[in-house]
Protein backbone atom coordinates (compact mmCIF):
# COMPACT_ATOMS: atom_id res chain seq x y z
CA UNK A 1 80.02 103.03 117.31
CA UNK A 2 81.93 102.22 114.28
CA UNK A 3 80.00 98.94 113.59
CA UNK A 4 76.64 100.88 113.46
CA UNK A 5 78.42 103.90 111.52
CA UNK A 6 80.38 101.68 109.04
CA UNK A 7 79.47 98.29 108.76
CA UNK A 8 76.15 97.66 107.84
CA UNK A 9 75.73 94.47 110.15
CA UNK A 10 72.56 93.27 111.32
CA UNK A 11 74.41 91.33 114.36
CA UNK A 12 77.42 92.27 116.46
CA UNK A 13 78.65 90.95 119.71
CA UNK A 14 81.17 92.21 122.50
CA UNK A 15 82.79 89.18 124.48
CA UNK A 16 84.94 89.73 127.45
CA UNK A 17 86.74 86.77 129.00
CA UNK A 18 89.67 86.05 130.98
CA UNK A 19 92.51 84.10 129.48
CA UNK A 20 95.63 83.01 131.67
CA UNK A 21 96.47 86.61 133.08
CA UNK A 22 94.89 88.63 130.32
CA UNK A 23 91.74 89.95 129.49
CA UNK A 24 90.38 89.42 125.85
CA UNK A 25 87.75 91.47 124.25
CA UNK A 26 86.43 90.21 121.08
CA UNK A 27 84.03 92.47 118.82
CA UNK A 28 82.45 90.52 115.90
CA UNK A 29 80.01 91.63 113.50
CA UNK A 30 78.35 90.01 110.25
CA UNK A 31 78.77 93.37 108.24
CA UNK A 32 80.48 94.05 104.97
CA UNK A 33 84.16 93.85 105.95
CA UNK A 34 87.07 95.66 104.57
CA UNK A 35 87.81 97.37 107.82
CA UNK A 36 91.19 98.97 106.83
CA UNK A 37 93.07 100.03 110.07
CA UNK A 38 95.29 102.66 107.79
CA UNK A 39 91.90 104.12 106.39
CA UNK A 40 90.97 106.20 109.39
CA UNK A 41 91.58 107.00 113.21
CA UNK A 42 89.17 104.52 114.89
CA UNK A 43 90.98 101.27 114.64
CA UNK A 44 94.53 102.91 114.81
CA UNK A 45 93.11 104.70 118.19
CA UNK A 46 91.99 101.49 119.69
CA UNK A 47 95.24 99.74 118.50
CA UNK A 48 97.24 102.69 120.19
CA UNK A 49 95.38 102.44 123.38
CA UNK A 50 95.79 98.44 123.76
CA UNK A 51 99.63 98.88 122.78
CA UNK A 52 100.01 101.61 125.37
CA UNK A 53 99.16 99.26 128.39
CA UNK A 54 101.53 96.36 126.91
CA UNK A 55 98.46 94.39 125.09
CA UNK A 56 98.10 92.79 121.76
CA UNK A 57 95.30 94.03 118.94
CA UNK A 58 94.12 92.09 115.48
CA UNK A 59 91.74 92.78 113.04
CA UNK A 60 90.43 90.30 110.48
CA UNK A 61 88.07 91.87 108.17
CA UNK A 62 88.00 90.43 104.72
CA UNK A 63 85.73 92.77 101.99
CA UNK A 64 82.10 90.89 102.20
CA UNK A 65 82.67 90.22 106.00
CA UNK A 66 82.66 89.54 108.75
CA UNK A 67 84.68 91.62 110.85
CA UNK A 68 86.63 90.47 114.23
CA UNK A 69 88.64 92.55 116.44
CA UNK A 70 90.64 91.08 119.42
CA UNK A 71 92.26 92.75 122.23
CA UNK A 72 94.46 90.92 124.80
CA UNK A 73 94.99 93.32 127.70
CA UNK A 74 97.16 92.35 130.53
CA UNK A 75 95.35 92.18 133.98
CA UNK A 76 96.91 94.73 136.57
CA UNK A 77 96.29 94.64 140.42
CA UNK A 78 96.66 97.29 142.81
CA UNK A 79 100.14 95.87 143.91
CA UNK A 80 101.34 96.30 140.51
CA UNK A 81 100.73 99.91 140.72
CA UNK A 82 102.96 100.53 143.97
């Protein structure tokens, strides 16, 4: 939603892959860049949800673009929750 609303991107992608025992989600767009995690609740909310499950989160978004968000989330099994 944020890509459509804010980035003026022509192309965006979402990739989900397993990396060791984690799941990595990468969101990339060719938009205007300049995404500032301190400038609104969208990126902050994503970061908070990722960290709540012991994940890591990064944003790279220079002015002029592109923007890349990467979240790595530990995989959990049913055994982990018992």
